[in-house]
Amino acid sequence: MTLPRFADDAARLDWIAGALYTGVLSDACDAAGHRNRALRPDVRPLDEARVLAGRAKTVVWAPMFHVPERPYDKEIAAVDSLCPGDVFVMAVGRSEEIVPWGELLTTAALARGGRGAVLDGLVRDAAQIRRLGLPVFCTGRRPYDSCGRGIVVDYDIPLVLDGVPVCPGDLVFGDADGVVIIPRAVEDEVLERAWAKVAGENTTRDALRAGESLATVFRNHGIL
């Protein structure tokens, strides 16, 4: 199915957030030959009502066991280089010591037009983050400061999160069911497949509501 025309990437991301969901995007990735594009199931939203759609802004952290002279330099540089539409994708290796996200980074991201954050690790200031409204996906919460426990070693580089390759600019989508990463190179194909499946599911749902058997609906529409 042909996608709508968009005035700019912001409008495109807004449409994706409103029209699609992780289930159809994951299915569309499978159909396009890019299986296993969802993060592990414990990467959860702080607020399940929030939907995230944006461009990956990658950040890689490493453990630290002392407080360096300038512990925040690359973290600050990464945040200050955020562009409108970006989503921070932070790889911390599922550390329970590194807590890279909190209220102040959320505030800074919102001020720069950021659309959210995804990390394979912990956050703090969860109540404040929810009040601010930025979609944030994480594995849990802990009130630590990252200083002396972790440090940003690089950003805007390819990384792997939960076995899923992520490149800067990839489409990041998250909702109550988790997070899916769509490679930029196949984004249009995946979106077209997902949009077509949404339309097909609407037809299938109507048939089921009308009392048709699941076997008949699947035979007629091929969607389950």
C-alpha atoms as a PDB file:
ATOM      1  CA  MET A   1       0.000   0.000   0.000  1.00  0.00           C
ATOM      2  CA  THR A   2       1.339   3.416  -0.953  1.00  0.00           C
ATOM      3  CA  LEU A   3       2.330   5.633   1.928  1.00  0.00           C
ATOM      4  CA  PRO A   4       0.882   9.144   2.298  1.00  0.00           C
ATOM      5  CA  ARG A   5       2.962  12.114   1.189  1.00  0.00           C
ATOM      6  CA  PHE A   6       4.697  13.942   4.027  1.00  0.00           C
ATOM      7  CA  ALA A   7       5.781  17.563   4.179  1.00  0.00           C
ATOM      8  CA  ASP A   8       8.906  16.625   6.129  1.00  0.00           C
ATOM      9  CA  ASP A   9      10.361  13.916   8.337  1.00  0.00           C
ATOM     10  CA  ALA A  10       8.590  15.293  11.415  1.00  0.00           C
ATOM     11  CA  ALA A  11       5.230  14.767   9.704  1.00  0.00           C
ATOM     12  CA  ARG A  12       6.329  11.293   8.652  1.00  0.00           C
ATOM     13  CA  LEU A  13       7.243  10.379  12.235  1.00  0.00           C
ATOM     14  CA  ASP A  14       3.975  11.810  13.547  1.00  0.00           C
ATOM     15  CA  TRP A  15       2.033   9.677  11.072  1.00  0.00           C
ATOM     16  CA  ILE A  16       3.998   6.550  11.990  1.00  0.00           C
ATOM     17  CA  ALA A  17       3.313   7.146  15.689  1.00  0.00           C
ATOM     18  CA  GLY A  18      -0.409   7.566  15.069  1.00  0.00           C
ATOM     19  CA  ALA A  19      -1.040   4.922  12.407  1.00  0.00           C
ATOM     20  CA  LEU A  20       1.196   1.956  13.247  1.00  0.00           C
ATOM     21  CA  TYR A  21       2.205  -0.212  16.175  1.00  0.00           C
ATOM     22  CA  THR A  22       5.009  -2.596  17.072  1.00  0.00           C
ATOM     23  CA  GLY A  23       3.169  -5.767  16.122  1.00  0.00           C
ATOM     24  CA  VAL A  24       2.626  -4.817  12.470  1.00  0.00           C
ATOM     25  CA  LEU A  25       6.089  -3.264  12.200  1.00  0.00           C
ATOM     26  CA  SER A  26       7.722  -6.428  13.521  1.00  0.00           C
ATOM     27  CA  ASP A  27       5.637  -8.533  11.125  1.00  0.00           C
ATOM     28  CA  ALA A  28       6.581  -6.238   8.247  1.00  0.00           C
ATOM     29  CA  CYS A  29      10.267  -6.562   9.125  1.00  0.00           C
ATOM     30  CA  ASP A  30       9.875 -10.350   9.104  1.00  0.00           C
ATOM     31  CA  ALA A  31       8.190 -10.214   5.693  1.00  0.00           C
ATOM     32  CA  ALA A  32      10.966  -7.982   4.349  1.00  0.00           C
ATOM     33  CA  GLY A  33      13.619 -10.494   5.435  1.00  0.00           C
ATOM     34  CA  HIS A  34      14.802  -8.571   8.509  1.00  0.00           C
ATOM     35  CA  ARG A  35      13.720 -10.821  11.337  1.00  0.00           C
ATOM     36  CA  ASN A  36      14.310 -10.330  15.051  1.00  0.00           C
ATOM     37  CA  ARG A  37      14.265  -6.536  15.071  1.00  0.00           C
ATOM     38  CA  ALA A  38      12.589  -6.197  18.469  1.00  0.00           C
ATOM     39  CA  LEU A  39      14.493  -5.571  21.685  1.00  0.00           C
ATOM     40  CA  ARG A  40      14.183  -7.988  24.592  1.00  0.00           C
ATOM     41  CA  PRO A  41      10.834  -7.957  26.420  1.00  0.00           C
ATOM     42  CA  ASP A  42      12.151  -6.366  29.602  1.00  0.00           C
ATOM     43  CA  VAL A  43      12.861  -3.093  27.761  1.00  0.00           C
ATOM     44  CA  ARG A  44       9.652  -1.447  28.883  1.00  0.00           C
ATOM     45  CA  PRO A  45       8.101   2.040  28.676  1.00  0.00           C
ATOM     46  CA  LEU A  46       7.938   4.130  31.810  1.00  0.00           C
ATOM     47  CA  ASP A  47       4.510   5.199  30.568  1.00  0.00           C
ATOM     48  CA  GLU A  48       2.609   2.657  28.444  1.00  0.00           C
ATOM     49  CA  ALA A  49       0.350   5.384  27.086  1.00  0.00           C
ATOM     50  CA  ARG A  50       3.283   6.981  25.242  1.00  0.00           C
ATOM     51  CA  VAL A  51       4.239   6.013  21.688  1.00  0.00           C
ATOM     52  CA  LEU A  52       7.777   6.605  20.467  1.00  0.00           C
ATOM     53  CA  ALA A  53       8.757   7.162  16.825  1.00  0.00           C
ATOM     54  CA  GLY A  54      12.022   8.806  15.872  1.00  0.00           C
ATOM     55  CA  ARG A  55      15.527   8.547  14.472  1.00  0.00           C
ATOM     56  CA  ALA A  56      18.220   6.640  16.334  1.00  0.00           C
ATOM     57  CA  LYS A  57      20.875   8.785  18.021  1.00  0.00           C
ATOM     58  CA  THR A  58      23.277   6.130  19.267  1.00  0.00           C
ATOM     59  CA  VAL A  59      25.403   6.372  22.424  1.00  0.00           C
ATOM     60  CA  VAL A  60      27.788   3.730  23.787  1.00  0.00           C
ATOM     61  CA  TRP A  61      28.679   3.559  27.482  1.00  0.00           C
ATOM     62  CA  ALA A  62      31.449   1.649  29.227  1.00  0.00           C
ATOM     63  CA  PRO A  63      31.920   0.778  32.916  1.00  0.00           C
ATOM     64  CA  MET A  64      34.113   3.001  35.084  1.00  0.00           C
ATOM     65  CA  PHE A  65      35.606   2.200  38.478  1.00  0.00           C
ATOM     66  CA  HIS A  66      36.918   5.640  39.401  1.00  0.00           C
ATOM     67  CA  VAL A  67      35.872   9.254  38.904  1.00  0.00           C
ATOM     68  CA  PRO A  68      37.843  10.736  35.986  1.00  0.00           C
ATOM     69  CA  GLU A  69      38.773  14.386  35.801  1.00  0.00           C
ATOM     70  CA  ARG A  70      36.069  15.178  33.226  1.00  0.00           C
ATOM     71  CA  PRO A  71      33.460  12.417  33.529  1.00  0.00           C
ATOM     72  CA  TYR A  72      30.644  14.052  31.590  1.00  0.00           C
ATOM     73  CA  ASP A  73      32.368  15.516  28.507  1.00  0.00           C
ATOM     74  CA  LYS A  74      31.162  13.046  25.849  1.00  0.00           C
ATOM     75  CA  GLU A  75      27.767  12.656  27.478  1.00  0.00           C
ATOM     76  CA  ILE A  76      27.266  16.411  27.328  1.00  0.00           C
ATOM     77  CA  ALA A  77      28.504  16.538  23.735  1.00  0.00           C
ATOM     78  CA  ALA A  78      26.087  13.783  22.726  1.00  0.00           C
ATOM     79  CA  VAL A  79      23.120  15.542  24.320  1.00  0.00           C
ATOM     80  CA  ASP A  80      24.046  18.932  22.879  1.00  0.00           C
ATOM     81  CA  SER A  81      24.309  17.433  19.379  1.00  0.00           C
ATOM     82  CA  LEU A  82      20.764  16.026  19.491  1.00  0.00           C
ATOM     83  CA  CYS A  83      18.630  17.045  16.507  1.00  0.00           C
ATOM     84  CA  PRO A  84      14.843  17.357  16.254  1.00  0.00           C
ATOM     85  CA  GLY A  85      13.296  13.943  15.667  1.00  0.00           C
ATOM     86  CA  ASP A  86      16.126  12.034  17.344  1.00  0.00           C
ATOM     87  CA  VAL A  87      15.699   9.223  19.851  1.00  0.00           C
ATOM     88  CA  PHE A  88      18.602   8.418  22.124  1.00  0.00           C
ATOM     89  CA  VAL A  89      19.520   4.731  21.839  1.00  0.00           C
ATOM     90  CA  MET A  90      21.958   4.055  24.675  1.00  0.00           C
ATOM     91  CA  ALA A  91      23.909   0.818  24.988  1.00  0.00           C
ATOM     92  CA  VAL A  92      25.061   0.165  28.554  1.00  0.00           C
ATOM     93  CA  GLY A  93      25.444  -3.608  28.285  1.00  0.00           C
ATOM     94  CA  ARG A  94      22.599  -4.194  30.747  1.00  0.00           C
ATOM     95  CA  SER A  95      24.711  -2.815  33.547  1.00  0.00           C
ATOM     96  CA  GLU A  96      23.005  -2.497  36.922  1.00  0.00           C
ATOM     97  CA  GLU A  97      25.544   0.146  37.962  1.00  0.00           C
ATOM     98  CA  ILE A  98      25.350   2.587  35.043  1.00  0.00           C
ATOM     99  CA  VAL A  99      22.214   4.735  35.207  1.00  0.00           C
ATOM    100  CA  PRO A 100      22.566   7.084  32.237  1.00  0.00           C
ATOM    101  CA  TRP A 101      19.136   8.706  32.056  1.00  0.00           C
ATOM    102  CA  GLY A 102      17.131  10.979  34.342  1.00  0.00           C
ATOM    103  CA  GLU A 103      15.082  14.143  34.578  1.00  0.00           C
ATOM    104  CA  LEU A 104      17.757  16.596  33.400  1.00  0.00           C
ATOM    105  CA  LEU A 105      18.626  14.670  30.242  1.00  0.00           C
ATOM    106  CA  THR A 106      14.910  14.308  29.569  1.00  0.00           C
ATOM    107  CA  THR A 107      14.503  18.069  29.878  1.00  0.00           C
ATOM    108  CA  ALA A 108      17.458  18.707  27.572  1.00  0.00           C
ATOM    109  CA  ALA A 109      16.158  16.232  24.984  1.00  0.00           C
ATOM    110  CA  LEU A 110      12.712  17.816  24.938  1.00  0.00           C
ATOM    111  CA  ALA A 111      14.203  21.283  24.526  1.00  0.00           C
ATOM    112  CA  ARG A 112      16.088  20.095  21.439  1.00  0.00           C
ATOM    113  CA  GLY A 113      13.141  18.379  19.794  1.00  0.00           C
ATOM    114  CA  GLY A 114      14.094  14.864  20.855  1.00  0.00           C
ATOM    115  CA  ARG A 115      11.392  12.222  20.681  1.00  0.00           C
ATOM    116  CA  GLY A 116      12.489   9.775  23.346  1.00  0.00           C
ATOM    117  CA  ALA A 117      15.120   7.461  24.751  1.00  0.00           C
ATOM    118  CA  VAL A 118      15.703   3.716  24.647  1.00  0.00           C
ATOM    119  CA  LEU A 119      18.354   1.933  26.692  1.00  0.00           C
ATOM    120  CA  ASP A 120      19.264  -1.581  27.719  1.00  0.00           C
ATOM    121  CA  GLY A 121      19.646  -0.403  31.280  1.00  0.00           C
ATOM    122  CA  LEU A 122      18.293   1.662  34.108  1.00  0.00           C
ATOM    123  CA  VAL A 123      16.927   5.167  34.623  1.00  0.00           C
ATOM    124  CA  ARG A 124      16.228   7.361  37.631  1.00  0.00           C
ATOM    125  CA  ASP A 125      13.757  10.221  38.293  1.00  0.00           C
ATOM    126  CA  ALA A 126      11.006   8.066  36.825  1.00  0.00           C
ATOM    127  CA  ALA A 127       8.128  10.143  38.227  1.00  0.00           C
ATOM    128  CA  GLN A 128       9.594  13.369  36.864  1.00  0.00           C
ATOM    129  CA  ILE A 129      10.229  11.791  33.453  1.00  0.00           C
ATOM    130  CA  ARG A 130       6.614  10.634  33.249  1.00  0.00           C
ATOM    131  CA  ARG A 131       5.391  14.127  34.115  1.00  0.00           C
ATOM    132  CA  LEU A 132       7.576  15.626  31.376  1.00  0.00           C
ATOM    133  CA  GLY A 133       5.964  13.304  28.827  1.00  0.00           C
ATOM    134  CA  LEU A 134       8.995  12.055  26.902  1.00  0.00           C
ATOM    135  CA  PRO A 135       8.671   8.374  25.918  1.00  0.00           C
ATOM    136  CA  VAL A 136      11.472   6.477  27.686  1.00  0.00           C
ATOM    137  CA  PHE A 137      12.065   2.725  27.474  1.00  0.00           C
ATOM    138  CA  CYS A 138      14.382   0.960  29.920  1.00  0.00           C
ATOM    139  CA  THR A 139      14.937  -2.254  31.890  1.00  0.00           C
ATOM    140  CA  GLY A 140      14.318  -0.756  35.330  1.00  0.00           C
ATOM    141  CA  ARG A 141      15.125   1.991  37.812  1.00  0.00           C
ATOM    142  CA  ARG A 142      17.858   2.777  40.286  1.00  0.00           C
ATOM    143  CA  PRO A 143      18.758   6.120  41.891  1.00  0.00           C
ATOM    144  CA  TYR A 144      22.487   6.067  41.037  1.00  0.00           C
ATOM    145  CA  ASP A 145      24.507   8.811  39.387  1.00  0.00           C
ATOM    146  CA  SER A 146      26.499   7.538  36.407  1.00  0.00           C
ATOM    147  CA  CYS A 147      29.636   9.399  37.542  1.00  0.00           C
ATOM    148  CA  GLY A 148      32.320   6.940  38.569  1.00  0.00           C
ATOM    149  CA  ARG A 149      30.232   4.006  37.347  1.00  0.00           C
ATOM    150  CA  GLY A 150      29.980   4.586  33.607  1.00  0.00           C
ATOM    151  CA  ILE A 151      31.227   6.894  30.878  1.00  0.00           C
ATOM    152  CA  VAL A 152      30.230   7.657  27.284  1.00  0.00           C
ATOM    153  CA  VAL A 153      32.951   6.336  24.980  1.00  0.00           C
ATOM    154  CA  ASP A 154      31.381   7.303  21.637  1.00  0.00           C
ATOM    155  CA  TYR A 155      28.175   8.369  19.947  1.00  0.00           C
ATOM    156  CA  ASP A 156      26.632   8.540  16.457  1.00  0.00           C
ATOM    157  CA  ILE A 157      28.140   5.146  15.619  1.00  0.00           C
ATOM    158  CA  PRO A 158      26.617   1.734  14.770  1.00  0.00           C
ATOM    159  CA  LEU A 159      25.947  -0.410  17.828  1.00  0.00           C
ATOM    160  CA  VAL A 160      24.158  -3.601  18.795  1.00  0.00           C
ATOM    161  CA  LEU A 161      21.391  -3.544  21.388  1.00  0.00           C
ATOM    162  CA  ASP A 162      19.999  -6.890  22.581  1.00  0.00           C
ATOM    163  CA  GLY A 163      21.396  -8.481  19.421  1.00  0.00           C
ATOM    164  CA  VAL A 164      19.684  -5.920  17.180  1.00  0.00           C
ATOM    165  CA  PRO A 165      22.029  -3.810  15.016  1.00  0.00           C
ATOM    166  CA  VAL A 166      21.224  -0.101  15.260  1.00  0.00           C
ATOM    167  CA  CYS A 167      22.684   2.575  13.005  1.00  0.00           C
ATOM    168  CA  PRO A 168      22.284   6.336  13.401  1.00  0.00           C
ATOM    169  CA  GLY A 169      19.116   7.413  11.614  1.00  0.00           C
ATOM    170  CA  ASP A 170      17.331   4.058  11.830  1.00  0.00           C
ATOM    171  CA  LEU A 171      13.637   4.261  12.675  1.00  0.00           C
ATOM    172  CA  VAL A 172      12.971   3.530  16.351  1.00  0.00           C
ATOM    173  CA  PHE A 173       9.396   2.672  17.294  1.00  0.00           C
ATOM    174  CA  GLY A 174       8.122   1.829  20.759  1.00  0.00           C
ATOM    175  CA  ASP A 175       4.768   1.288  22.421  1.00  0.00           C
ATOM    176  CA  ALA A 176       3.271  -0.793  25.223  1.00  0.00           C
ATOM    177  CA  ASP A 177       4.465  -4.016  23.540  1.00  0.00           C
ATOM    178  CA  GLY A 178       8.144  -3.050  23.287  1.00  0.00           C
ATOM    179  CA  VAL A 179      10.606  -1.533  20.839  1.00  0.00           C
ATOM    180  CA  VAL A 180      11.295  -2.322  17.175  1.00  0.00           C
ATOM    181  CA  ILE A 181      14.255  -0.966  15.177  1.00  0.00           C
ATOM    182  CA  ILE A 182      13.707  -0.597  11.405  1.00  0.00           C
ATOM    183  CA  PRO A 183      16.829  -0.194   9.238  1.00  0.00           C
ATOM    184  CA  ARG A 184      16.797   3.047   7.257  1.00  0.00           C
ATOM    185  CA  ALA A 185      17.619   1.181   4.030  1.00  0.00           C
ATOM    186  CA  VAL A 186      14.353  -0.800   4.107  1.00  0.00           C
ATOM    187  CA  GLU A 187      12.174   1.683   5.959  1.00  0.00           C
ATOM    188  CA  ASP A 188       9.816   2.493   3.070  1.00  0.00           C
ATOM    189  CA  GLU A 189       9.248  -1.189   2.282  1.00  0.00           C
ATOM    190  CA  VAL A 190       8.585  -2.018   5.929  1.00  0.00           C
ATOM    191  CA  LEU A 191       6.217   0.920   6.374  1.00  0.00           C
ATOM    192  CA  GLU A 192       4.294   0.021   3.225  1.00  0.00           C
ATOM    193  CA  ARG A 193       3.946  -3.589   4.363  1.00  0.00           C
ATOM    194  CA  ALA A 194       2.880  -2.497   7.844  1.00  0.00           C
ATOM    195  CA  TRP A 195       0.327  -0.016   6.525  1.00  0.00           C
ATOM    196  CA  ALA A 196      -1.124  -2.668   4.212  1.00  0.00           C
ATOM    197  CA  LYS A 197      -1.392  -5.089   7.122  1.00  0.00           C
ATOM    198  CA  VAL A 198      -3.200  -2.494   9.251  1.00  0.00           C
ATOM    199  CA  ALA A 199      -5.783  -2.160   6.477  1.00  0.00           C
ATOM    200  CA  GLY A 200      -6.044  -5.939   6.159  1.00  0.00           C
ATOM    201  CA  GLU A 201      -6.437  -6.373   9.914  1.00  0.00           C
ATOM    202  CA  ASN A 202      -9.269  -3.854   9.896  1.00  0.00           C
ATOM    203  CA  THR A 203     -11.073  -5.956   7.282  1.00  0.00           C
ATOM    204  CA  THR A 204     -10.336  -9.150   9.193  1.00  0.00           C
ATOM    205  CA  ARG A 205     -11.596  -7.646  12.447  1.00  0.00           C
ATOM    206  CA  ASP A 206     -14.851  -6.591  10.787  1.00  0.00           C
ATOM    207  CA  ALA A 207     -15.371 -10.117   9.454  1.00  0.00           C
ATOM    208  CA  LEU A 208     -14.735 -11.678  12.860  1.00  0.00           C
ATOM    209  CA  ARG A 209     -17.153  -9.233  14.497  1.00  0.00           C
ATOM    210  CA  ALA A 210     -19.754 -10.234  11.897  1.00  0.00           C
ATOM    211  CA  GLY A 211     -19.465 -13.826  13.133  1.00  0.00           C
ATOM    212  CA  GLU A 212     -17.350 -15.442  10.434  1.00  0.00           C
ATOM    213  CA  SER A 213     -15.188 -18.318  11.648  1.00  0.00           C
ATOM    214  CA  LEU A 214     -11.490 -17.707  12.155  1.00  0.00           C
ATOM    215  CA  ALA A 215     -10.712 -20.427   9.582  1.00  0.00           C
ATOM    216  CA  THR A 216     -12.890 -18.697   6.972  1.00  0.00           C
ATOM    217  CA  VAL A 217     -11.436 -15.280   7.724  1.00  0.00           C
ATOM    218  CA  PHE A 218      -7.891 -16.579   7.492  1.00  0.00           C
ATOM    219  CA  ARG A 219      -8.637 -18.420   4.247  1.00  0.00           C
ATOM    220  CA  ASN A 220     -10.159 -15.288   2.724  1.00  0.00           C
ATOM    221  CA  HIS A 221      -7.680 -12.690   4.005  1.00  0.00           C
ATOM    222  CA  GLY A 222      -4.508 -14.549   5.023  1.00  0.00           C
ATOM    223  CA  ILE A 223      -4.104 -12.484   8.181  1.00  0.00           C
ATOM    224  CA  LEU A 224      -3.982 -13.838  11.710  1.00  0.00           C
END
